Amino acid sequence: MQSTRLKQRGFTLIELMIVVAIIGILGAVGLPLYQNYIVKARVGNALRSADALKTAVGLCIQEQGGTLAGCSQGAQGVPAFTPTKEVASATVADGVITLTLASGLGNGVDGRTITFTPQPGTSSVVWLNSTSVSHDDAAELIRRNNPAGAGSAASAAS
């Protein structure tokens, strides 16, 4: 006797619903993590955009025998800053570099500032970072770029 059972073809409705639910859960968990990653990457680019100014200020400090006075934009070889996608403007006054972040980077980051304060040593310049960024992951990235022992001098202001 032959069986009257038909072969099942394709997926059942419940199987498709389970797949859709799994994709929804993965999306709900992954999207916020991805958005935080994007903000941190943009702030990382902003930190790197100050490197040319930091080098110029370091040379100015060396040429002036370790003093910060006079190490400002337009003086002693400190160049003018060209805005980037992440940084709207940058100023240098007596060695202190202040970056103003552009808009469109993320909540708690848009229009905020990052300040690099030089601490001249005998053979190098140590840079302390402070910020008004209130995005937790981005502010942590900025603080983490401080040298060991910088402590509260480099904490983020809200």
N, C-alpha and C. Protein backbone atom coordinates (compact mmCIF):
# COMPACT_ATOMS: atom_id res chain seq x y z
N MET A 1 0.80 -1.19 0.00
CA MET A 1 0.00 0.00 0.00
C MET A 1 0.85 1.26 0.00
N GLN A 2 0.42 2.14 -0.79
CA GLN A 2 1.15 3.40 -0.83
C GLN A 2 0.55 4.36 0.17
N SER A 3 1.44 5.12 0.72
CA SER A 3 1.01 6.12 1.70
C SER A 3 0.42 7.31 0.97
N THR A 4 -0.57 7.92 1.56
CA THR A 4 -1.20 9.08 0.96
C THR A 4 -0.58 10.38 1.46
N ARG A 5 0.54 10.25 2.16
CA ARG A 5 1.23 11.44 2.69
C ARG A 5 1.88 12.23 1.58
N LEU A 6 1.71 13.53 1.62
CA LEU A 6 2.36 14.40 0.64
C LEU A 6 3.68 14.89 1.20
N LYS A 7 4.64 15.09 0.34
CA LYS A 7 5.93 15.63 0.77
C LYS A 7 5.78 17.11 1.08
N GLN A 8 6.41 17.53 2.16
CA GLN A 8 6.35 18.95 2.54
C GLN A 8 7.32 19.73 1.65
N ARG A 9 6.86 20.86 1.16
CA ARG A 9 7.70 21.70 0.32
C ARG A 9 7.76 23.09 0.92
N GLY A 10 8.97 23.69 0.97
CA GLY A 10 9.11 25.06 1.47
C GLY A 10 9.06 25.13 2.99
N PHE A 11 8.88 26.36 3.46
CA PHE A 11 8.86 26.61 4.90
C PHE A 11 7.42 26.80 5.36
N THR A 12 7.18 26.43 6.58
CA THR A 12 5.86 26.70 7.16
C THR A 12 5.81 28.14 7.64
N LEU A 13 4.64 28.62 7.91
CA LEU A 13 4.47 29.99 8.38
C LEU A 13 5.20 30.21 9.71
N ILE A 14 5.15 29.29 10.60
CA ILE A 14 5.80 29.45 11.92
C ILE A 14 7.31 29.52 11.76
N GLU A 15 7.88 28.75 10.84
CA GLU A 15 9.33 28.82 10.60
C GLU A 15 9.73 30.18 10.07
N LEU A 16 8.94 30.73 9.16
CA LEU A 16 9.23 32.06 8.63
C LEU A 16 9.10 33.12 9.72
N MET A 17 8.12 32.99 10.59
CA MET A 17 7.93 33.95 11.68
C MET A 17 9.10 33.90 12.66
N ILE A 18 9.63 32.72 12.92
CA ILE A 18 10.79 32.58 13.81
C ILE A 18 12.01 33.26 13.20
N VAL A 19 12.23 33.08 11.91
CA VAL A 19 13.37 33.71 11.23
C VAL A 19 13.24 35.23 11.29
N VAL A 20 12.05 35.75 11.04
CA VAL A 20 11.83 37.20 11.09
C VAL A 20 12.06 37.73 12.50
N ALA A 21 11.62 37.01 13.51
CA ALA A 21 11.82 37.43 14.90
C ALA A 21 13.30 37.46 15.25
N ILE A 22 14.05 36.46 14.81
CA ILE A 22 15.49 36.43 15.09
C ILE A 22 16.19 37.60 14.42
N ILE A 23 15.85 37.89 13.18
CA ILE A 23 16.45 39.03 12.48
C ILE A 23 16.10 40.34 13.20
N GLY A 24 14.86 40.47 13.66
CA GLY A 24 14.45 41.66 14.40
C GLY A 24 15.23 41.84 15.69
N ILE A 25 15.44 40.76 16.43
CA ILE A 25 16.21 40.83 17.68
C ILE A 25 17.65 41.23 17.40
N LEU A 26 18.27 40.62 16.40
CA LEU A 26 19.65 40.96 16.04
C LEU A 26 19.77 42.42 15.63
N GLY A 27 18.79 42.90 14.87
CA GLY A 27 18.80 44.30 14.46
C GLY A 27 18.64 45.24 15.64
N ALA A 28 17.76 44.90 16.57
CA ALA A 28 17.53 45.75 17.74
C ALA A 28 18.76 45.83 18.64
N VAL A 29 19.51 44.77 18.71
CA VAL A 29 20.72 44.76 19.54
C VAL A 29 21.89 45.40 18.79
N GLY A 30 22.01 45.11 17.50
CA GLY A 30 23.17 45.56 16.73
C GLY A 30 23.17 47.01 16.35
N LEU A 31 22.02 47.60 16.07
CA LEU A 31 21.96 48.98 15.60
C LEU A 31 22.52 49.99 16.59
N PRO A 32 22.15 49.96 17.88
CA PRO A 32 22.75 50.92 18.83
C PRO A 32 24.27 50.75 18.96
N LEU A 33 24.73 49.50 18.94
CA LEU A 33 26.17 49.27 19.01
C LEU A 33 26.88 49.85 17.80
N TYR A 34 26.29 49.70 16.64
CA TYR A 34 26.87 50.24 15.41
C TYR A 34 26.90 51.77 15.46
N GLN A 35 25.83 52.38 15.95
CA GLN A 35 25.78 53.85 16.04
C GLN A 35 26.85 54.36 16.99
N ASN A 36 27.07 53.70 18.13
CA ASN A 36 28.15 54.09 19.05
C ASN A 36 29.51 53.96 18.38
N TYR A 37 29.68 52.89 17.62
CA TYR A 37 30.95 52.68 16.92
C TYR A 37 31.20 53.82 15.93
N ILE A 38 30.18 54.25 15.21
CA ILE A 38 30.32 55.32 14.22
C ILE A 38 30.72 56.63 14.92
N VAL A 39 30.09 56.95 16.04
CA VAL A 39 30.42 58.19 16.78
C VAL A 39 31.86 58.13 17.26
N LYS A 40 32.27 56.98 17.81
CA LYS A 40 33.65 56.85 18.29
C LYS A 40 34.66 56.99 17.14
N ALA A 41 34.34 56.43 15.99
CA ALA A 41 35.24 56.54 14.83
C ALA A 41 35.37 57.99 14.38
N ARG A 42 34.26 58.72 14.39
CA ARG A 42 34.31 60.13 13.99
C ARG A 42 35.12 60.96 14.98
N VAL A 43 34.97 60.69 16.27
CA VAL A 43 35.75 61.42 17.28
C VAL A 43 37.23 61.04 17.16
N GLY A 44 37.51 59.79 16.86
CA GLY A 44 38.89 59.37 16.63
C GLY A 44 39.53 60.13 15.47
N ASN A 45 38.77 60.34 14.40
CA ASN A 45 39.26 61.13 13.27
C ASN A 45 39.50 62.58 13.69
N ALA A 46 38.63 63.11 14.54
CA ALA A 46 38.81 64.48 15.02
C ALA A 46 40.09 64.58 15.85
N LEU A 47 40.36 63.58 16.69
CA LEU A 47 41.59 63.60 17.49
C LEU A 47 42.82 63.59 16.59
N ARG A 48 42.78 62.80 15.53
CA ARG A 48 43.92 62.73 14.61
C ARG A 48 44.09 64.01 13.78
N SER A 49 43.02 64.75 13.58
CA SER A 49 43.13 65.96 12.76
C SER A 49 43.94 67.05 13.46
N ALA A 50 44.14 66.93 14.75
CA ALA A 50 44.93 67.91 15.49
C ALA A 50 46.43 67.61 15.47
N ASP A 51 46.82 66.49 14.88
CA ASP A 51 48.24 66.08 14.93
C ASP A 51 49.19 67.12 14.32
N ALA A 52 48.81 67.72 13.19
CA ALA A 52 49.70 68.72 12.56
C ALA A 52 49.86 69.93 13.47
N LEU A 53 48.78 70.35 14.12
CA LEU A 53 48.87 71.48 15.04
C LEU A 53 49.71 71.13 16.26
N LYS A 54 49.57 69.91 16.76
CA LYS A 54 50.37 69.49 17.92
C LYS A 54 51.87 69.48 17.58
N THR A 55 52.20 69.03 16.38
CA THR A 55 53.59 69.02 15.95
C THR A 55 54.13 70.44 15.86
N ALA A 56 53.36 71.34 15.26
CA ALA A 56 53.79 72.74 15.12
C ALA A 56 53.95 73.40 16.48
N VAL A 57 53.03 73.15 17.41
CA VAL A 57 53.14 73.73 18.75
C VAL A 57 54.36 73.15 19.47
N GLY A 58 54.59 71.86 19.31
CA GLY A 58 55.76 71.24 19.93
C GLY A 58 57.06 71.87 19.44
N LEU A 59 57.15 72.12 18.13
CA LEU A 59 58.34 72.78 17.59
C LEU A 59 58.47 74.21 18.11
N CYS A 60 57.35 74.91 18.20
CA CYS A 60 57.36 76.28 18.72
C CYS A 60 57.85 76.30 20.17
N ILE A 61 57.37 75.37 20.97
CA ILE A 61 57.79 75.30 22.37
C ILE A 61 59.30 75.03 22.45
N GLN A 62 59.77 74.14 21.59
CA GLN A 62 61.20 73.83 21.58
C GLN A 62 62.02 75.06 21.18
N GLU A 63 61.58 75.77 20.14
CA GLU A 63 62.31 76.94 19.67
C GLU A 63 62.31 78.07 20.69
N GLN A 64 61.28 78.11 21.54
CA GLN A 64 61.19 79.17 22.55
C GLN A 64 61.75 78.74 23.90
N GLY A 65 62.42 77.63 23.93
CA GLY A 65 63.07 77.20 25.17
C GLY A 65 62.12 76.66 26.22
N GLY A 66 60.99 76.09 25.79
CA GLY A 66 60.08 75.45 26.74
C GLY A 66 58.92 76.31 27.20
N THR A 67 58.76 77.49 26.65
CA THR A 67 57.64 78.33 27.06
C THR A 67 56.51 78.26 26.02
N LEU A 68 55.29 78.41 26.51
CA LEU A 68 54.11 78.32 25.65
C LEU A 68 53.70 79.66 25.06
N ALA A 69 54.07 80.74 25.72
CA ALA A 69 53.64 82.06 25.27
C ALA A 69 54.12 82.32 23.85
N GLY A 70 53.20 82.79 23.02
CA GLY A 70 53.54 83.11 21.65
C GLY A 70 53.32 81.98 20.67
N CYS A 71 53.03 80.78 21.17
CA CYS A 71 52.76 79.64 20.28
C CYS A 71 51.28 79.66 19.92
N SER A 72 50.92 80.55 19.01
CA SER A 72 49.53 80.71 18.59
C SER A 72 49.46 80.61 17.08
N GLN A 73 48.24 80.49 16.55
CA GLN A 73 48.08 80.41 15.10
C GLN A 73 48.63 81.66 14.43
N GLY A 74 49.33 81.44 13.33
CA GLY A 74 49.89 82.56 12.58
C GLY A 74 51.23 83.03 13.10
N ALA A 75 51.65 82.53 14.24
CA ALA A 75 52.94 82.94 14.81
C ALA A 75 53.81 81.71 15.00
N GLN A 76 55.09 81.87 14.86
CA GLN A 76 56.06 80.81 15.12
C GLN A 76 55.79 79.52 14.33
N GLY A 77 55.27 79.64 13.12
CA GLY A 77 55.08 78.46 12.27
C GLY A 77 53.87 77.62 12.59
N VAL A 78 52.96 78.08 13.42
CA VAL A 78 51.74 77.32 13.70
C VAL A 78 50.75 77.62 12.58
N PRO A 79 50.39 76.62 11.78
CA PRO A 79 49.56 76.86 10.60
C PRO A 79 48.10 77.11 10.94
N ALA A 80 47.39 77.66 9.98
CA ALA A 80 45.94 77.78 10.09
C ALA A 80 45.34 76.39 9.88
N PHE A 81 44.23 76.13 10.49
CA PHE A 81 43.58 74.82 10.41
C PHE A 81 42.56 74.82 9.27
N THR A 82 42.59 73.76 8.49
CA THR A 82 41.59 73.58 7.44
C THR A 82 40.49 72.67 7.98
N PRO A 83 39.24 73.14 7.98
CA PRO A 83 38.15 72.32 8.52
C PRO A 83 38.05 70.96 7.82
N THR A 84 37.64 69.96 8.59
CA THR A 84 37.44 68.61 8.07
C THR A 84 35.96 68.23 8.23
N LYS A 85 35.63 67.01 7.87
CA LYS A 85 34.26 66.54 8.02
C LYS A 85 33.87 66.46 9.50
N GLU A 86 34.84 66.19 10.37
CA GLU A 86 34.56 66.03 11.79
C GLU A 86 34.82 67.29 12.61
N VAL A 87 35.72 68.16 12.16
CA VAL A 87 36.11 69.34 12.93
C VAL A 87 35.75 70.60 12.16
N ALA A 88 34.89 71.43 12.76
CA ALA A 88 34.46 72.66 12.11
C ALA A 88 35.55 73.73 12.16
N SER A 89 36.24 73.83 13.31
CA SER A 89 37.30 74.83 13.43
C SER A 89 38.27 74.42 14.53
N ALA A 90 39.43 75.05 14.50
CA ALA A 90 40.44 74.82 15.53
C ALA A 90 41.18 76.12 15.79
N THR A 91 41.46 76.38 17.05
CA THR A 91 42.23 77.56 17.42
C THR A 91 43.42 77.14 18.27
N VAL A 92 44.48 77.91 18.16
CA VAL A 92 45.67 77.69 18.97
C VAL A 92 46.01 79.00 19.65
N ALA A 93 46.02 79.00 20.98
CA ALA A 93 46.35 80.20 21.74
C ALA A 93 47.33 79.82 22.85
N ASP A 94 48.53 80.36 22.77
CA ASP A 94 49.60 80.05 23.73
C ASP A 94 49.78 78.54 23.91
N GLY A 95 49.76 77.82 22.80
CA GLY A 95 50.01 76.39 22.81
C GLY A 95 48.80 75.52 23.04
N VAL A 96 47.72 76.05 23.56
CA VAL A 96 46.51 75.27 23.83
C VAL A 96 45.68 75.19 22.55
N ILE A 97 45.39 73.97 22.12
CA ILE A 97 44.63 73.72 20.90
C ILE A 97 43.19 73.39 21.28
N THR A 98 42.25 74.10 20.67
CA THR A 98 40.83 73.84 20.93
C THR A 98 40.15 73.50 19.60
N LEU A 99 39.63 72.28 19.52
CA LEU A 99 38.89 71.84 18.35
C LEU A 99 37.40 72.00 18.62
N THR A 100 36.67 72.57 17.67
CA THR A 100 35.21 72.62 17.74
C THR A 100 34.69 71.60 16.74
N LEU A 101 33.96 70.62 17.24
CA LEU A 101 33.49 69.53 16.40
C LEU A 101 32.34 70.00 15.50
N ALA A 102 32.26 69.40 14.35
CA ALA A 102 31.22 69.75 13.37
C ALA A 102 29.87 69.17 13.80
N SER A 103 28.83 69.55 13.10
CA SER A 103 27.52 68.98 13.38
C SER A 103 27.34 67.73 12.53
N GLY A 104 26.42 66.88 12.95
CA GLY A 104 26.15 65.64 12.22
C GLY A 104 26.98 64.47 12.68
N LEU A 105 27.71 64.61 13.78
CA LEU A 105 28.55 63.51 14.28
C LEU A 105 27.79 62.58 15.22
N GLY A 106 26.82 63.11 15.94
CA GLY A 106 26.05 62.28 16.87
C GLY A 106 25.61 63.09 18.07
N ASN A 107 24.64 62.55 18.80
CA ASN A 107 24.14 63.22 20.00
C ASN A 107 25.23 63.34 21.05
N GLY A 108 25.33 64.50 21.67
CA GLY A 108 26.33 64.73 22.71
C GLY A 108 27.70 65.06 22.17
N VAL A 109 27.83 65.14 20.84
CA VAL A 109 29.12 65.40 20.22
C VAL A 109 29.07 66.66 19.35
N ASP A 110 27.97 66.87 18.66
CA ASP A 110 27.83 68.00 17.72
C ASP A 110 28.12 69.34 18.37
N GLY A 111 29.07 70.08 17.79
CA GLY A 111 29.38 71.43 18.26
C GLY A 111 30.17 71.49 19.55
N ARG A 112 30.50 70.37 20.14
CA ARG A 112 31.27 70.36 21.39
C ARG A 112 32.75 70.59 21.10
N THR A 113 33.54 70.75 22.16
CA THR A 113 34.96 71.04 21.99
C THR A 113 35.84 69.97 22.60
N ILE A 114 37.04 69.86 22.04
CA ILE A 114 38.11 69.04 22.60
C ILE A 114 39.30 69.97 22.75
N THR A 115 39.89 70.00 23.94
CA THR A 115 41.01 70.88 24.22
C THR A 115 42.26 70.05 24.51
N PHE A 116 43.35 70.40 23.84
CA PHE A 116 44.64 69.75 24.04
C PHE A 116 45.55 70.77 24.74
N THR A 117 45.98 70.45 25.95
CA THR A 117 46.83 71.35 26.72
C THR A 117 48.23 70.75 26.79
N PRO A 118 49.25 71.47 26.29
CA PRO A 118 50.60 70.93 26.32
C PRO A 118 51.24 71.07 27.70
N GLN A 119 51.99 70.07 28.07
CA GLN A 119 52.78 70.08 29.30
C GLN A 119 54.23 69.85 28.89
N PRO A 120 55.00 70.94 28.67
CA PRO A 120 56.38 70.76 28.21
C PRO A 120 57.24 70.06 29.25
N GLY A 121 58.02 69.10 28.79
CA GLY A 121 58.98 68.41 29.64
C GLY A 121 60.39 68.75 29.19
N THR A 122 61.34 68.02 29.71
CA THR A 122 62.73 68.30 29.34
C THR A 122 63.05 67.81 27.93
N SER A 123 62.41 66.72 27.48
CA SER A 123 62.72 66.20 26.15
C SER A 123 61.49 65.94 25.29
N SER A 124 60.31 66.20 25.82
CA SER A 124 59.10 65.97 25.03
C SER A 124 57.95 66.83 25.57
N VAL A 125 56.86 66.83 24.82
CA VAL A 125 55.65 67.54 25.23
C VAL A 125 54.58 66.48 25.48
N VAL A 126 53.96 66.54 26.63
CA VAL A 126 52.85 65.64 26.96
C VAL A 126 51.57 66.43 26.77
N TRP A 127 50.59 65.84 26.09
CA TRP A 127 49.33 66.51 25.80
C TRP A 127 48.23 65.95 26.68
N LEU A 128 47.53 66.83 27.38
CA LEU A 128 46.38 66.44 28.20
C LEU A 128 45.11 66.85 27.46
N ASN A 129 44.19 65.93 27.35
CA ASN A 129 42.94 66.18 26.63
C ASN A 129 41.81 66.44 27.61
N SER A 130 40.98 67.41 27.30
CA SER A 130 39.74 67.60 28.03
C SER A 130 38.65 67.88 27.01
N THR A 131 37.40 67.72 27.41
CA THR A 131 36.33 67.83 26.43
C THR A 131 35.02 68.25 27.06
N SER A 132 34.14 68.78 26.22
CA SER A 132 32.76 69.05 26.63
C SER A 132 31.81 68.04 26.01
N VAL A 133 32.35 67.01 25.36
CA VAL A 133 31.55 65.95 24.75
C VAL A 133 30.82 65.19 25.85
N SER A 134 29.52 64.97 25.67
CA SER A 134 28.76 64.26 26.69
C SER A 134 28.38 62.84 26.28
N HIS A 135 28.71 62.43 25.07
CA HIS A 135 28.48 61.05 24.63
C HIS A 135 29.47 60.17 25.39
N ASP A 136 28.98 59.22 26.18
CA ASP A 136 29.84 58.44 27.08
C ASP A 136 31.00 57.75 26.40
N ASP A 137 30.73 57.02 25.32
CA ASP A 137 31.80 56.28 24.64
C ASP A 137 32.83 57.20 24.01
N ALA A 138 32.37 58.30 23.41
CA ALA A 138 33.29 59.25 22.78
C ALA A 138 34.13 59.96 23.82
N ALA A 139 33.52 60.38 24.93
CA ALA A 139 34.27 61.05 26.00
C ALA A 139 35.31 60.11 26.59
N GLU A 140 34.97 58.84 26.73
CA GLU A 140 35.93 57.85 27.24
C GLU A 140 37.10 57.69 26.28
N LEU A 141 36.84 57.71 24.99
CA LEU A 141 37.91 57.63 23.99
C LEU A 141 38.87 58.81 24.13
N ILE A 142 38.33 60.00 24.34
CA ILE A 142 39.16 61.20 24.48
C ILE A 142 39.99 61.12 25.77
N ARG A 143 39.36 60.72 26.86
CA ARG A 143 40.10 60.60 28.13
C ARG A 143 41.16 59.51 28.05
N ARG A 144 40.86 58.42 27.35
CA ARG A 144 41.80 57.31 27.26
C ARG A 144 43.06 57.70 26.50
N ASN A 145 43.02 58.74 25.70
CA ASN A 145 44.18 59.20 24.96
C ASN A 145 45.10 60.09 25.78
N ASN A 146 44.83 60.22 27.07
CA ASN A 146 45.70 60.97 27.96
C ASN A 146 46.82 60.07 28.47
N PRO A 147 47.94 60.66 28.83
CA PRO A 147 49.04 59.85 29.37
C PRO A 147 48.67 59.33 30.75
N ALA A 148 49.35 58.28 31.18
CA ALA A 148 49.12 57.71 32.50
C ALA A 148 49.39 58.76 33.57
N GLY A 149 48.54 58.80 34.55
CA GLY A 149 48.73 59.75 35.65
C GLY A 149 48.15 61.13 35.37
N ALA A 150 47.46 61.31 34.24
CA ALA A 150 46.88 62.63 33.95
C ALA A 150 45.73 62.93 34.90
N GLY A 151 45.05 61.89 35.33
CA GLY A 151 44.02 62.01 36.37
C GLY A 151 42.93 62.98 36.06
N SER A 152 42.54 63.75 37.06
CA SER A 152 41.37 64.61 36.95
C SER A 152 41.62 65.84 36.07
N ALA A 153 42.86 66.15 35.78
CA ALA A 153 43.13 67.31 34.93
C ALA A 153 42.57 67.11 33.53
N ALA A 154 42.30 65.87 33.18
CA ALA A 154 41.84 65.59 31.83
C ALA A 154 40.43 65.00 31.81
N SER A 155 39.67 65.19 32.86
CA SER A 155 38.34 64.62 32.87
C SER A 155 37.41 65.40 31.96
N ALA A 156 36.37 64.75 31.53
CA ALA A 156 35.41 65.38 30.61
C ALA A 156 34.39 66.19 31.39
N ALA A 157 34.11 67.36 30.89
CA ALA A 157 33.06 68.19 31.49
C ALA A 157 31.77 67.90 30.77
N SER A 158 30.67 67.90 31.49
CA SER A 158 29.38 67.64 30.84
C SER A 158 28.80 68.88 30.27
